[in-house]
Amino acid sequence: MSTATDIAELDAAIAENELEGEAADRLRELVQEGAPIPDALEQLRQELEAAAAPPAPPAELEPPAGEPTEQQLKALDRETDRHLKKVGEIMGGFVAGFTPCSKCDGLGLEQPGPEPRGHDYFKTCETCAGFGQVLTGSLREGRNARDCPACGGNGYLEALGEGGVPLAQGGGQPAVSPTSPPPAIATAEPAPTEQGAGGLTFGRPAWMGDPSIGT
């Protein structure tokens, strides 16, 4: 839209259809994207009708059958682009550098069903943030990351019993008590341990040894 005539026609269409606020802004957006005014008005009408339609009761919802069609995926891409653009306009610099959600693929919805639960005997390794690797600083391909020395590459730490045996594997009593310090873990180089909730000591199982040996 580059001429006074085009702007006047758009303003006239907005006034004729009694559009205000977000509806008027959406029509301007569609026209700026290259849609003719009649097509833009029709698309806006469809969007408003879809937004006004009441959601189906949960009892009537059924899981989708099969894979989404190509037409559905293209429509989702368009809607995702529109949504991201609108979020950027609303939030401004706060969302600068933000990227689309990599988990929902633009749906903005969580899939139904149970989710795994955590357990007191396991915790995310804070050294590698759960990735199991840490950056070395090297720019050489294949040398830029190594297994995390804190968790041995697992990405998590386990609650340890006496002798460094994991409690999850029947390691007996916790390795710490209110009156005595935790016993040393018999490894070539003692693995780092962390104190957790409930008086548990977290670290690598003793059988894992020193991850730096042989690498």
Protein backbone atom coordinates (compact mmCIF):
# COMPACT_ATOMS: atom_id res chain seq x y z
CA MET A 1 0.00 0.00 0.00
CA SER A 2 1.82 3.06 -1.22
CA THR A 3 -0.66 5.61 -2.59
CA ALA A 4 -3.15 7.95 -1.03
CA THR A 5 -5.85 6.29 -3.11
CA ASP A 6 -5.07 2.86 -1.66
CA ILE A 7 -5.12 4.25 1.87
CA ALA A 8 -8.42 5.99 1.22
CA GLU A 9 -9.97 2.80 -0.16
CA LEU A 10 -8.81 0.86 2.89
CA ASP A 11 -10.17 3.48 5.30
CA ALA A 12 -13.44 3.44 3.40
CA ALA A 13 -13.66 -0.36 3.68
CA ILE A 14 -12.99 -0.16 7.42
CA ALA A 15 -15.69 2.46 7.88
CA GLU A 16 -18.19 0.66 5.64
CA ASN A 17 -17.77 -2.62 7.54
CA GLU A 18 -17.76 -0.83 10.90
CA LEU A 19 -14.41 -2.31 11.91
CA GLU A 20 -12.68 -1.08 15.03
CA GLY A 21 -9.66 -1.87 17.17
CA GLU A 22 -7.98 -5.23 16.48
CA ALA A 23 -10.31 -6.04 13.57
CA ALA A 24 -9.32 -2.84 11.76
CA ASP A 25 -5.65 -3.47 12.52
CA ARG A 26 -5.92 -7.03 11.20
CA LEU A 27 -7.47 -5.82 7.94
CA ARG A 28 -4.66 -3.30 7.46
CA GLU A 29 -2.14 -6.09 8.16
CA LEU A 30 -3.68 -8.38 5.54
CA VAL A 31 -3.71 -5.62 2.93
CA GLN A 32 -0.10 -4.71 3.71
CA GLU A 33 0.82 -8.36 3.15
CA GLY A 34 -0.50 -8.04 -0.41
CA ALA A 35 -4.09 -9.27 -0.17
CA PRO A 36 -6.68 -7.29 -2.19
CA ILE A 37 -9.21 -5.53 0.03
CA PRO A 38 -12.13 -7.88 -0.88
CA ASP A 39 -9.99 -10.97 -0.18
CA ALA A 40 -8.68 -9.43 3.02
CA LEU A 41 -12.23 -8.70 4.17
CA GLU A 42 -13.26 -12.31 3.50
CA GLN A 43 -10.28 -13.72 5.38
CA LEU A 44 -10.97 -11.37 8.28
CA ARG A 45 -14.60 -12.49 8.34
CA GLN A 46 -13.53 -16.15 8.52
CA GLU A 47 -11.06 -15.42 11.31
CA LEU A 48 -13.64 -13.51 13.34
CA GLU A 49 -16.19 -16.29 12.91
CA ALA A 50 -13.66 -18.91 13.98
CA ALA A 51 -12.70 -16.85 17.03
CA ALA A 52 -16.35 -16.34 18.00
CA ALA A 53 -17.31 -20.01 17.64
CA PRO A 54 -17.77 -21.65 21.07
CA PRO A 55 -15.26 -24.42 21.85
CA ALA A 56 -16.54 -27.97 21.73
CA PRO A 57 -17.22 -29.55 25.14
CA PRO A 58 -14.27 -31.68 26.35
CA ALA A 59 -16.43 -34.82 26.22
CA GLU A 60 -16.89 -34.37 22.47
CA LEU A 61 -13.22 -33.94 21.68
CA GLU A 62 -11.69 -36.83 19.80
CA PRO A 63 -8.06 -37.40 18.89
CA PRO A 64 -7.32 -36.48 15.27
CA ALA A 65 -7.17 -39.38 12.85
CA GLY A 66 -4.06 -39.79 10.73
CA GLU A 67 -1.51 -37.14 9.85
CA PRO A 68 -2.33 -33.47 9.12
CA THR A 69 -2.80 -32.60 5.48
CA GLU A 70 -0.48 -30.34 3.53
CA GLN A 71 -3.21 -27.71 3.46
CA GLN A 72 -3.53 -27.84 7.26
CA LEU A 73 0.25 -27.51 7.72
CA LYS A 74 0.39 -24.49 5.41
CA ALA A 75 -2.51 -22.86 7.23
CA LEU A 76 -0.77 -23.51 10.56
CA ASP A 77 2.46 -21.94 9.26
CA ARG A 78 0.56 -18.82 8.22
CA GLU A 79 -1.18 -18.56 11.56
CA THR A 80 2.09 -19.14 13.44
CA ASP A 81 3.79 -16.35 11.47
CA ARG A 82 0.87 -14.01 12.18
CA HIS A 83 0.94 -14.87 15.88
CA LEU A 84 4.71 -14.36 16.22
CA LYS A 85 4.46 -11.02 14.45
CA LYS A 86 1.64 -9.89 16.72
CA VAL A 87 3.52 -10.99 19.84
CA GLY A 88 6.54 -8.98 18.66
CA GLU A 89 4.37 -5.90 18.15
CA ILE A 90 2.83 -6.23 21.61
CA MET A 91 5.93 -7.17 23.63
CA GLY A 92 8.52 -5.20 21.68
CA GLY A 93 12.13 -5.53 22.79
CA PHE A 94 11.23 -7.91 25.61
CA VAL A 95 10.98 -10.78 23.11
CA ALA A 96 13.94 -9.73 20.95
CA GLY A 97 15.93 -12.86 20.15
CA PHE A 98 13.17 -15.20 21.27
CA THR A 99 12.58 -18.25 19.06
CA PRO A 100 9.36 -20.20 18.40
CA CYS A 101 8.56 -23.03 20.79
CA SER A 102 10.38 -26.18 19.68
CA LYS A 103 8.06 -28.49 21.59
CA CYS A 104 4.60 -27.61 20.28
CA ASP A 105 5.50 -26.92 16.60
CA GLY A 106 3.35 -23.80 16.56
CA LEU A 107 0.24 -25.40 18.02
CA GLY A 108 0.55 -23.74 21.39
CA LEU A 109 -1.07 -26.84 22.89
CA GLU A 110 0.11 -29.77 24.96
CA GLN A 111 -0.71 -33.28 23.83
CA PRO A 112 -2.97 -35.19 26.19
CA GLY A 113 -1.70 -38.12 28.18
CA PRO A 114 0.41 -38.93 31.24
CA GLU A 115 3.87 -37.47 31.73
CA PRO A 116 6.93 -39.01 33.41
CA ARG A 117 7.44 -38.04 37.02
CA GLY A 118 10.60 -37.25 38.91
CA HIS A 119 11.98 -39.13 41.90
CA ASP A 120 13.86 -38.00 44.98
CA TYR A 121 16.76 -40.31 44.09
CA PHE A 122 17.56 -38.40 40.89
CA LYS A 123 18.27 -34.75 40.12
CA THR A 124 19.40 -32.79 37.08
CA CYS A 125 23.14 -32.23 36.97
CA GLU A 126 23.63 -28.52 37.58
CA THR A 127 27.10 -28.52 36.04
CA CYS A 128 25.87 -29.42 32.53
CA ALA A 129 22.21 -28.40 33.01
CA GLY A 130 21.15 -31.94 32.14
CA PHE A 131 22.82 -32.08 28.70
CA GLY A 132 25.48 -34.58 29.80
CA GLN A 133 28.21 -32.53 28.10
CA VAL A 134 30.10 -29.36 28.85
CA LEU A 135 31.79 -26.99 26.42
CA THR A 136 35.58 -27.16 26.27
CA GLY A 137 36.13 -23.85 24.50
CA SER A 138 37.68 -25.59 21.50
CA LEU A 139 36.64 -24.53 18.01
CA ARG A 140 37.71 -27.83 16.49
CA GLU A 141 34.83 -30.02 15.40
CA GLY A 142 34.46 -32.99 17.68
CA ARG A 143 36.52 -31.37 20.43
CA ASN A 144 34.13 -28.57 21.34
CA ALA A 145 32.37 -30.62 24.04
CA ARG A 146 33.23 -33.43 26.47
CA ASP A 147 31.24 -35.62 28.81
CA CYS A 148 30.39 -33.72 31.96
CA PRO A 149 32.89 -34.62 34.71
CA ALA A 150 30.26 -34.15 37.41
CA CYS A 151 27.72 -36.67 36.10
CA GLY A 152 29.89 -38.75 33.77
CA GLY A 153 27.80 -37.78 30.74
CA ASN A 154 24.46 -38.91 32.17
CA GLY A 155 22.99 -35.45 32.62
CA TYR A 156 21.74 -36.40 36.09
CA LEU A 157 23.08 -37.30 39.52
CA GLU A 158 21.90 -40.17 41.72
CA ALA A 159 21.34 -40.37 45.44
CA LEU A 160 24.19 -42.53 46.77
CA GLY A 161 24.33 -44.96 49.65
CA GLU A 162 27.36 -46.27 51.49
CA GLY A 163 30.31 -47.01 49.23
CA GLY A 164 28.85 -44.92 46.42
CA VAL A 165 26.17 -47.48 45.57
CA PRO A 166 23.04 -45.83 44.10
CA LEU A 167 20.05 -45.99 46.43
CA ALA A 168 17.87 -46.70 43.38
CA GLN A 169 19.75 -49.99 43.00
CA GLY A 170 19.35 -51.04 46.61
CA GLY A 171 22.31 -49.13 47.93
CA GLY A 172 21.10 -49.43 51.51
CA GLN A 173 21.14 -46.45 53.81
CA PRO A 174 21.90 -42.91 52.57
CA ALA A 175 25.56 -42.01 52.57
CA VAL A 176 25.00 -39.18 55.06
CA SER A 177 23.45 -38.91 58.50
CA PRO A 178 22.88 -36.01 60.89
CA THR A 179 25.87 -37.12 63.05
CA SER A 180 28.43 -38.38 60.53
CA PRO A 181 29.91 -37.07 57.27
CA PRO A 182 29.39 -39.00 54.03
CA PRO A 183 31.94 -41.77 53.45
CA ALA A 184 34.43 -41.34 50.65
CA ILE A 185 33.56 -42.88 47.29
CA ALA A 186 36.13 -45.43 46.24
CA THR A 187 37.11 -44.19 42.78
CA ALA A 188 40.38 -43.36 41.09
CA GLU A 189 39.47 -39.72 41.59
CA PRO A 190 36.52 -39.00 43.93
CA ALA A 191 33.57 -37.81 41.92
CA PRO A 192 31.94 -34.52 42.92
CA THR A 193 28.91 -34.88 45.15
CA GLU A 194 26.10 -32.52 46.03
CA GLN A 195 23.93 -32.30 49.12
CA GLY A 196 20.24 -32.59 48.32
CA ALA A 197 16.91 -32.43 50.09
CA GLY A 198 16.27 -34.94 52.86
CA GLY A 199 19.96 -35.31 53.72
CA LEU A 200 20.76 -37.26 50.53
CA THR A 201 24.13 -37.09 48.83
CA PHE A 202 24.02 -36.94 45.02
CA GLY A 203 26.82 -37.88 42.65
CA ARG A 204 28.09 -40.50 40.20
CA PRO A 205 27.83 -44.15 41.20
CA ALA A 206 31.15 -45.56 42.37
CA TRP A 207 31.30 -48.09 39.52
CA MET A 208 31.53 -45.29 36.96
CA GLY A 209 34.96 -44.21 38.21
CA ASP A 210 36.69 -41.19 36.77
CA PRO A 211 35.19 -40.26 33.35
CA SER A 212 38.43 -38.51 32.33
CA ILE A 213 40.38 -41.77 32.32
CA GLY A 214 40.68 -43.33 28.88
CA THR A 215 39.19 -40.36 27.00
